[in-house]
Amino acid sequence: MIRGIVLALAAAGAVAAAIAPATAALIVRYNEVYDPPAEEFEDCGLALQEDAIYRFTGQIKASTPKTAGEYFRLHEHFSRTFVITNTENAKWVRVEDAGVFREGPGTIIEWDNPPKGGPVVSYTTKSSGALTTVYNSDGQVLLRDRGSISEAFIFDTGGDGAPGGGEFLGGELVKASGHLPSFALDDDALCELLNTWIG
């Protein structure tokens, strides 16, 4: 579960379609706060509730002829907070992140029968900053990741000439650097930590 949060933070803007070089015309600037409903689930042998709030400030720029006008790069500043509560004993931890997410230039690649019709582009992303910090209810730091994470994605743009609306066809971690202790832990170790914290 913590693993899922860590990777979600790393992929900060991957749910948005991309931008183009800094010289491209700006399409939109945005400043958004997203406060989704609380979610209850079971993980690591615990009954949990997650309360989250997301804050994003960024920009999307127009595509370029190199990607047939279909790839739109995102540059975003983000901060997010998750409060994870054990509903059986009311113990909780707070998981925070803050940093910068950038999508790199895209390249059109060959892809047989893309689900959205293509063109299909490959590109890399980089998230950097305080990517994960876990606090207990007394405000003490339990775990901290700080550094940068690079990932590679393949995206079917859908050929609509607009950001979003396509489909991700694949992705992988390229490089993680800095002080990132959670990346050395497998799911069992992360579950053991969570049970130590709020079990």
Foldseek 3Di string as FASTA:
>chain_A
DVVVLLVCLQCPCVQKFAAADPPAAWDDWDWDKDWDDWDWDDDLNFTKIKGKMKIKTWTWGWDDVQQPRQGIHIKIWIKMKIWMARVVPRWIKIKIWTWIKTKDHWHFDDDPPFVLRARKIKTKMKTFAFSIWIAGPVRDTDDTDGGMWMKMWIWGRSPPSDMDPTDTDDMDTDDTDDRGVVVVDDPNRVSVVVVVRHD
